[in-house]
Amino acid sequence: MTLVRRRTAAALAAVLISLLALTGCGGDPKTVDLSGTVVDPPYGVSDVALTTADGKPWTMSKDTTKALTLVFFGYTQCPDICPGVLSAIASALTRLTPEQQAQIELVFITTDPKRDTPAVLKDYLGRFNPTYVGLTGDLETVGEVAKPLHVFVDSGEMLPSGGYDPNSHGTQIFGINAKHEAPIFWGAETSPAQFAADFKFLVDEKPEHLKGPNS
């Protein structure tokens, strides 16, 4: 093969590789089996403000700016499901690179605000992962924040404090993207490995649209 032909072949190969890369980025969406349940169309989120354990306002429609914000409703005196979920997600995060971890935030919204004071929330969540964010507000406000995600806090089992145990009817962990939409949720039985695989896809690919089974 002459030098000219070699250079031509190399140039054509480079063009082909570039086209394949562009197809992967901007063409048909990558197919992947997710452990989470896809919501299509996605759930919207509330613009009602809650308060972080540090006393700062936090709104789901404005402050979910990372590639993936995980939202979980629960309470610190939950004996089993809440700590199980928080531990599983903490374990999943250790399976990711620091760059991937930096694109994910977990917020824990208490459904027992009378007992889950900001100090209690901060101490509790710090046992699982120091990056976890605790959110609180009066029970009515928490209920308003939960409604767009179809979590009806006041239909759970009432606690002695006047709060509610949402685990009596639902244990979803919602994934919210940077467009402030919730296109996916996971059940409490999801394993760390399953969480990690889904998280990697969602933060690396940042899919514009997740297709549900009936899409």
C-alpha atoms as a PDB file:
ATOM      1  CA  MET A   1       0.000   0.000   0.000  1.00  0.00           C
ATOM      2  CA  THR A   2       1.408   3.422  -0.942  1.00  0.00           C
ATOM      3  CA  LEU A   3       1.907   6.183   1.626  1.00  0.00           C
ATOM      4  CA  VAL A   4      -0.999   8.155   0.139  1.00  0.00           C
ATOM      5  CA  ARG A   5      -3.317   5.160   0.382  1.00  0.00           C
ATOM      6  CA  ARG A   6      -2.235   4.499   3.947  1.00  0.00           C
ATOM      7  CA  ARG A   7      -2.952   8.077   4.929  1.00  0.00           C
ATOM      8  CA  THR A   8      -6.320   7.945   3.160  1.00  0.00           C
ATOM      9  CA  ALA A   9      -7.255   4.691   4.910  1.00  0.00           C
ATOM     10  CA  ALA A  10      -6.206   6.120   8.276  1.00  0.00           C
ATOM     11  CA  ALA A  11      -8.277   9.245   7.669  1.00  0.00           C
ATOM     12  CA  LEU A  12     -11.335   7.195   6.717  1.00  0.00           C
ATOM     13  CA  ALA A  13     -10.905   5.045   9.822  1.00  0.00           C
ATOM     14  CA  ALA A  14     -10.747   8.157  12.006  1.00  0.00           C
ATOM     15  CA  VAL A  15     -13.934   9.509  10.422  1.00  0.00           C
ATOM     16  CA  LEU A  16     -15.711   6.191  10.981  1.00  0.00           C
ATOM     17  CA  ILE A  17     -14.694   6.102  14.661  1.00  0.00           C
ATOM     18  CA  SER A  18     -15.900   9.685  15.091  1.00  0.00           C
ATOM     19  CA  LEU A  19     -19.259   8.852  13.513  1.00  0.00           C
ATOM     20  CA  LEU A  20     -19.677   5.861  15.806  1.00  0.00           C
ATOM     21  CA  ALA A  21     -18.882   8.015  18.835  1.00  0.00           C
ATOM     22  CA  LEU A  22     -21.398  10.642  17.740  1.00  0.00           C
ATOM     23  CA  THR A  23     -24.033   7.976  17.292  1.00  0.00           C
ATOM     24  CA  GLY A  24     -23.393   6.774  20.825  1.00  0.00           C
ATOM     25  CA  CYS A  25     -23.709  10.315  22.182  1.00  0.00           C
ATOM     26  CA  GLY A  26     -26.458  11.827  20.096  1.00  0.00           C
ATOM     27  CA  GLY A  27     -28.146   9.013  18.241  1.00  0.00           C
ATOM     28  CA  ASP A  28     -30.433   6.331  19.550  1.00  0.00           C
ATOM     29  CA  PRO A  29     -30.488   6.134  23.374  1.00  0.00           C
ATOM     30  CA  LYS A  30     -28.349   3.410  24.878  1.00  0.00           C
ATOM     31  CA  THR A  31     -30.343   0.379  25.948  1.00  0.00           C
ATOM     32  CA  VAL A  32     -29.746  -0.755  29.502  1.00  0.00           C
ATOM     33  CA  ASP A  33     -31.614  -2.944  31.960  1.00  0.00           C
ATOM     34  CA  LEU A  34     -32.363  -0.813  35.001  1.00  0.00           C
ATOM     35  CA  SER A  35     -33.285  -2.235  38.393  1.00  0.00           C
ATOM     36  CA  GLY A  36     -35.396   0.825  39.133  1.00  0.00           C
ATOM     37  CA  THR A  37     -38.920   1.408  37.854  1.00  0.00           C
ATOM     38  CA  VAL A  38     -39.114   3.956  35.030  1.00  0.00           C
ATOM     39  CA  VAL A  39     -41.848   6.601  35.297  1.00  0.00           C
ATOM     40  CA  ASP A  40     -42.886   7.727  31.831  1.00  0.00           C
ATOM     41  CA  PRO A  41     -43.825  10.543  31.689  1.00  0.00           C
ATOM     42  CA  PRO A  42     -41.743  11.511  34.726  1.00  0.00           C
ATOM     43  CA  TYR A  43     -43.273  12.749  37.965  1.00  0.00           C
ATOM     44  CA  GLY A  44     -43.002  16.448  38.593  1.00  0.00           C
ATOM     45  CA  VAL A  45     -41.635  17.837  41.855  1.00  0.00           C
ATOM     46  CA  SER A  46     -42.854  20.332  44.432  1.00  0.00           C
ATOM     47  CA  ASP A  47     -41.836  23.979  44.685  1.00  0.00           C
ATOM     48  CA  VAL A  48     -42.671  24.048  48.413  1.00  0.00           C
ATOM     49  CA  ALA A  49     -39.616  24.758  50.568  1.00  0.00           C
ATOM     50  CA  LEU A  50     -38.329  22.516  53.339  1.00  0.00           C
ATOM     51  CA  THR A  51     -35.430  23.239  55.711  1.00  0.00           C
ATOM     52  CA  THR A  52     -32.086  21.453  55.858  1.00  0.00           C
ATOM     53  CA  ALA A  53     -30.573  20.248  59.122  1.00  0.00           C
ATOM     54  CA  ASP A  54     -28.275  23.288  58.835  1.00  0.00           C
ATOM     55  CA  GLY A  55     -31.272  25.628  58.767  1.00  0.00           C
ATOM     56  CA  LYS A  56     -31.144  26.503  55.063  1.00  0.00           C
ATOM     57  CA  PRO A  57     -34.182  26.520  52.753  1.00  0.00           C
ATOM     58  CA  TRP A  58     -34.289  23.693  50.217  1.00  0.00           C
ATOM     59  CA  THR A  59     -36.751  23.347  47.347  1.00  0.00           C
ATOM     60  CA  MET A  60     -37.015  20.268  45.155  1.00  0.00           C
ATOM     61  CA  SER A  61     -37.860  22.325  42.068  1.00  0.00           C
ATOM     62  CA  LYS A  62     -34.701  24.453  42.429  1.00  0.00           C
ATOM     63  CA  ASP A  63     -32.090  22.606  44.446  1.00  0.00           C
ATOM     64  CA  THR A  64     -32.004  19.280  42.600  1.00  0.00           C
ATOM     65  CA  THR A  65     -29.136  20.497  40.445  1.00  0.00           C
ATOM     66  CA  LYS A  66     -26.951  17.390  40.384  1.00  0.00           C
ATOM     67  CA  ALA A  67     -27.158  14.676  37.747  1.00  0.00           C
ATOM     68  CA  LEU A  68     -29.001  12.509  40.276  1.00  0.00           C
ATOM     69  CA  THR A  69     -30.730  13.520  43.504  1.00  0.00           C
ATOM     70  CA  LEU A  70     -32.095  10.616  45.534  1.00  0.00           C
ATOM     71  CA  VAL A  71     -35.175  11.423  47.623  1.00  0.00           C
ATOM     72  CA  PHE A  72     -36.329   9.163  50.431  1.00  0.00           C
ATOM     73  CA  PHE A  73     -39.109   9.762  52.979  1.00  0.00           C
ATOM     74  CA  GLY A  74     -38.710   8.210  56.413  1.00  0.00           C
ATOM     75  CA  TYR A  75     -37.939   8.856  60.061  1.00  0.00           C
ATOM     76  CA  THR A  76     -34.978   8.292  62.328  1.00  0.00           C
ATOM     77  CA  GLN A  77     -36.707   5.886  64.720  1.00  0.00           C
ATOM     78  CA  CYS A  78     -37.716   3.543  61.902  1.00  0.00           C
ATOM     79  CA  PRO A  79     -36.448   0.148  63.093  1.00  0.00           C
ATOM     80  CA  ASP A  80     -35.613  -1.584  59.828  1.00  0.00           C
ATOM     81  CA  ILE A  81     -36.492  -0.267  56.370  1.00  0.00           C
ATOM     82  CA  CYS A  82     -35.052   3.256  56.642  1.00  0.00           C
ATOM     83  CA  PRO A  83     -31.641   2.209  57.979  1.00  0.00           C
ATOM     84  CA  GLY A  84     -31.562  -0.652  55.483  1.00  0.00           C
ATOM     85  CA  VAL A  85     -32.117   1.684  52.535  1.00  0.00           C
ATOM     86  CA  LEU A  86     -29.657   4.297  53.783  1.00  0.00           C
ATOM     87  CA  SER A  87     -27.004   1.619  54.328  1.00  0.00           C
ATOM     88  CA  ALA A  88     -27.576   0.066  50.896  1.00  0.00           C
ATOM     89  CA  ILE A  89     -27.183   3.419  49.152  1.00  0.00           C
ATOM     90  CA  ALA A  90     -24.081   4.253  51.197  1.00  0.00           C
ATOM     91  CA  SER A  91     -22.602   0.916  50.112  1.00  0.00           C
ATOM     92  CA  ALA A  92     -23.589   1.573  46.490  1.00  0.00           C
ATOM     93  CA  LEU A  93     -21.801   4.918  46.501  1.00  0.00           C
ATOM     94  CA  THR A  94     -18.535   3.250  47.528  1.00  0.00           C
ATOM     95  CA  ARG A  95     -18.692   1.292  44.269  1.00  0.00           C
ATOM     96  CA  LEU A  96     -18.538   4.513  42.239  1.00  0.00           C
ATOM     97  CA  THR A  97     -15.618   6.752  41.363  1.00  0.00           C
ATOM     98  CA  PRO A  98     -15.200  10.041  43.264  1.00  0.00           C
ATOM     99  CA  GLU A  99     -16.279  11.855  40.100  1.00  0.00           C
ATOM    100  CA  GLN A 100     -19.487   9.823  39.912  1.00  0.00           C
ATOM    101  CA  GLN A 101     -20.168  10.251  43.624  1.00  0.00           C
ATOM    102  CA  ALA A 102     -19.860  14.025  43.268  1.00  0.00           C
ATOM    103  CA  GLN A 103     -22.804  14.006  40.843  1.00  0.00           C
ATOM    104  CA  ILE A 104     -25.160  12.324  43.331  1.00  0.00           C
ATOM    105  CA  GLU A 105     -26.920  13.673  46.404  1.00  0.00           C
ATOM    106  CA  LEU A 106     -29.278  11.907  48.802  1.00  0.00           C
ATOM    107  CA  VAL A 107     -31.931  13.848  50.689  1.00  0.00           C
ATOM    108  CA  PHE A 108     -33.853  12.250  53.543  1.00  0.00           C
ATOM    109  CA  ILE A 109     -37.193  13.925  54.275  1.00  0.00           C
ATOM    110  CA  THR A 110     -38.518  13.215  57.739  1.00  0.00           C
ATOM    111  CA  THR A 111     -42.139  12.250  58.218  1.00  0.00           C
ATOM    112  CA  ASP A 112     -41.744  12.605  61.993  1.00  0.00           C
ATOM    113  CA  PRO A 113     -40.645  16.246  62.347  1.00  0.00           C
ATOM    114  CA  LYS A 114     -41.621  16.532  66.007  1.00  0.00           C
ATOM    115  CA  ARG A 115     -38.939  14.040  67.072  1.00  0.00           C
ATOM    116  CA  ASP A 116     -36.560  14.434  64.120  1.00  0.00           C
ATOM    117  CA  THR A 117     -35.091  17.799  65.015  1.00  0.00           C
ATOM    118  CA  PRO A 118     -32.310  19.212  62.808  1.00  0.00           C
ATOM    119  CA  ALA A 119     -29.690  18.001  65.298  1.00  0.00           C
ATOM    120  CA  VAL A 120     -31.203  14.514  65.422  1.00  0.00           C
ATOM    121  CA  LEU A 121     -31.347  14.323  61.612  1.00  0.00           C
ATOM    122  CA  LYS A 122     -27.750  15.437  61.206  1.00  0.00           C
ATOM    123  CA  ASP A 123     -26.438  12.944  63.742  1.00  0.00           C
ATOM    124  CA  TYR A 124     -28.523  10.075  62.358  1.00  0.00           C
ATOM    125  CA  LEU A 125     -27.624  10.573  58.706  1.00  0.00           C
ATOM    126  CA  GLY A 126     -23.956  11.089  59.518  1.00  0.00           C
ATOM    127  CA  ARG A 127     -23.802   7.498  60.720  1.00  0.00           C
ATOM    128  CA  PHE A 128     -24.479   6.315  57.166  1.00  0.00           C
ATOM    129  CA  ASN A 129     -22.815   8.921  54.958  1.00  0.00           C
ATOM    130  CA  PRO A 130     -21.687  12.455  55.879  1.00  0.00           C
ATOM    131  CA  THR A 131     -22.944  13.812  52.550  1.00  0.00           C
ATOM    132  CA  TYR A 132     -26.568  12.847  53.189  1.00  0.00           C
ATOM    133  CA  VAL A 133     -28.873  15.859  53.529  1.00  0.00           C
ATOM    134  CA  GLY A 134     -31.668  15.862  56.104  1.00  0.00           C
ATOM    135  CA  LEU A 135     -34.816  17.876  55.407  1.00  0.00           C
ATOM    136  CA  THR A 136     -37.602  18.857  57.753  1.00  0.00           C
ATOM    137  CA  GLY A 137     -40.712  21.014  57.936  1.00  0.00           C
ATOM    138  CA  ASP A 138     -44.104  20.858  59.549  1.00  0.00           C
ATOM    139  CA  LEU A 139     -46.049  17.726  58.699  1.00  0.00           C
ATOM    140  CA  GLU A 140     -48.436  19.528  56.358  1.00  0.00           C
ATOM    141  CA  THR A 141     -45.533  20.940  54.355  1.00  0.00           C
ATOM    142  CA  VAL A 142     -43.853  17.537  54.133  1.00  0.00           C
ATOM    143  CA  GLY A 143     -47.125  16.132  52.814  1.00  0.00           C
ATOM    144  CA  GLU A 144     -47.309  18.811  50.119  1.00  0.00           C
ATOM    145  CA  VAL A 145     -43.755  18.043  49.000  1.00  0.00           C
ATOM    146  CA  ALA A 146     -44.572  14.339  48.817  1.00  0.00           C
ATOM    147  CA  LYS A 147     -47.761  14.591  46.748  1.00  0.00           C
ATOM    148  CA  PRO A 148     -46.260  15.126  43.261  1.00  0.00           C
ATOM    149  CA  LEU A 149     -44.231  11.947  43.826  1.00  0.00           C
ATOM    150  CA  HIS A 150     -47.406  10.068  44.764  1.00  0.00           C
ATOM    151  CA  VAL A 151     -46.234   9.498  48.328  1.00  0.00           C
ATOM    152  CA  PHE A 152     -49.187  10.265  50.574  1.00  0.00           C
ATOM    153  CA  VAL A 153     -47.551  10.732  53.936  1.00  0.00           C
ATOM    154  CA  ASP A 154     -50.744  11.173  55.921  1.00  0.00           C
ATOM    155  CA  SER A 155     -52.059   7.799  54.758  1.00  0.00           C
ATOM    156  CA  GLY A 156     -49.276   5.972  56.587  1.00  0.00           C
ATOM    157  CA  GLU A 157     -49.495   4.547  60.067  1.00  0.00           C
ATOM    158  CA  MET A 158     -49.616   7.313  62.678  1.00  0.00           C
ATOM    159  CA  LEU A 159     -46.724   7.441  65.140  1.00  0.00           C
ATOM    160  CA  PRO A 160     -47.158   8.282  68.846  1.00  0.00           C
ATOM    161  CA  SER A 161     -45.520  11.667  68.180  1.00  0.00           C
ATOM    162  CA  GLY A 162     -48.159  12.615  65.620  1.00  0.00           C
ATOM    163  CA  GLY A 163     -45.912  11.929  62.639  1.00  0.00           C
ATOM    164  CA  TYR A 164     -46.453   9.164  60.102  1.00  0.00           C
ATOM    165  CA  ASP A 165     -44.671   5.981  59.137  1.00  0.00           C
ATOM    166  CA  PRO A 166     -44.665   6.078  55.302  1.00  0.00           C
ATOM    167  CA  ASN A 167     -43.155   2.599  55.307  1.00  0.00           C
ATOM    168  CA  SER A 168     -46.597   1.225  56.126  1.00  0.00           C
ATOM    169  CA  HIS A 169     -47.568   1.880  52.503  1.00  0.00           C
ATOM    170  CA  GLY A 170     -44.527   2.785  50.405  1.00  0.00           C
ATOM    171  CA  THR A 171     -40.735   2.752  50.524  1.00  0.00           C
ATOM    172  CA  GLN A 172     -39.756   4.279  47.193  1.00  0.00           C
ATOM    173  CA  ILE A 173     -36.442   6.005  46.649  1.00  0.00           C
ATOM    174  CA  PHE A 174     -36.917   8.569  43.881  1.00  0.00           C
ATOM    175  CA  GLY A 175     -34.272   9.601  41.376  1.00  0.00           C
ATOM    176  CA  ILE A 176     -34.549  13.231  40.298  1.00  0.00           C
ATOM    177  CA  ASN A 177     -32.509  14.604  37.423  1.00  0.00           C
ATOM    178  CA  ALA A 178     -31.087  18.087  36.873  1.00  0.00           C
ATOM    179  CA  LYS A 179     -34.268  19.051  34.999  1.00  0.00           C
ATOM    180  CA  HIS A 180     -36.161  18.617  38.285  1.00  0.00           C
ATOM    181  CA  GLU A 181     -38.060  15.562  37.071  1.00  0.00           C
ATOM    182  CA  ALA A 182     -38.428  12.150  38.711  1.00  0.00           C
ATOM    183  CA  PRO A 183     -38.198   9.577  35.888  1.00  0.00           C
ATOM    184  CA  ILE A 184     -37.282   6.599  38.084  1.00  0.00           C
ATOM    185  CA  PHE A 185     -37.718   5.114  41.533  1.00  0.00           C
ATOM    186  CA  TRP A 186     -36.389   2.082  43.387  1.00  0.00           C
ATOM    187  CA  GLY A 187     -37.891  -0.227  45.988  1.00  0.00           C
ATOM    188  CA  ALA A 188     -36.415  -0.766  49.436  1.00  0.00           C
ATOM    189  CA  GLU A 189     -35.342  -4.278  48.459  1.00  0.00           C
ATOM    190  CA  THR A 190     -32.855  -2.975  45.857  1.00  0.00           C
ATOM    191  CA  SER A 191     -29.329  -4.247  46.538  1.00  0.00           C
ATOM    192  CA  PRO A 192     -26.199  -2.068  46.698  1.00  0.00           C
ATOM    193  CA  ALA A 193     -24.961  -3.641  43.450  1.00  0.00           C
ATOM    194  CA  GLN A 194     -28.250  -2.854  41.690  1.00  0.00           C
ATOM    195  CA  PHE A 195     -28.270   0.723  42.977  1.00  0.00           C
ATOM    196  CA  ALA A 196     -24.661   1.202  41.890  1.00  0.00           C
ATOM    197  CA  ALA A 197     -25.255  -0.091  38.354  1.00  0.00           C
ATOM    198  CA  ASP A 198     -28.241   2.215  37.859  1.00  0.00           C
ATOM    199  CA  PHE A 199     -26.447   5.202  39.390  1.00  0.00           C
ATOM    200  CA  LYS A 200     -23.456   4.720  37.083  1.00  0.00           C
ATOM    201  CA  PHE A 201     -25.673   4.712  34.014  1.00  0.00           C
ATOM    202  CA  LEU A 202     -27.695   7.739  35.098  1.00  0.00           C
ATOM    203  CA  VAL A 203     -24.714   9.947  35.949  1.00  0.00           C
ATOM    204  CA  ASP A 204     -22.468   8.825  33.088  1.00  0.00           C
ATOM    205  CA  GLU A 205     -25.041   8.858  30.300  1.00  0.00           C
ATOM    206  CA  LYS A 206     -27.367  11.573  31.665  1.00  0.00           C
ATOM    207  CA  PRO A 207     -30.183  10.271  29.453  1.00  0.00           C
ATOM    208  CA  GLU A 208     -32.607  12.890  28.178  1.00  0.00           C
ATOM    209  CA  HIS A 209     -35.475  10.434  28.423  1.00  0.00           C
ATOM    210  CA  LEU A 210     -35.987   7.066  30.076  1.00  0.00           C
ATOM    211  CA  LYS A 211     -38.478   4.868  28.290  1.00  0.00           C
ATOM    212  CA  GLY A 212     -40.931   2.856  30.321  1.00  0.00           C
ATOM    213  CA  PRO A 213     -42.245  -0.572  29.302  1.00  0.00           C
ATOM    214  CA  ASN A 214     -45.315   0.960  27.662  1.00  0.00           C
ATOM    215  CA  SER A 215     -43.544   3.819  25.866  1.00  0.00           C
END
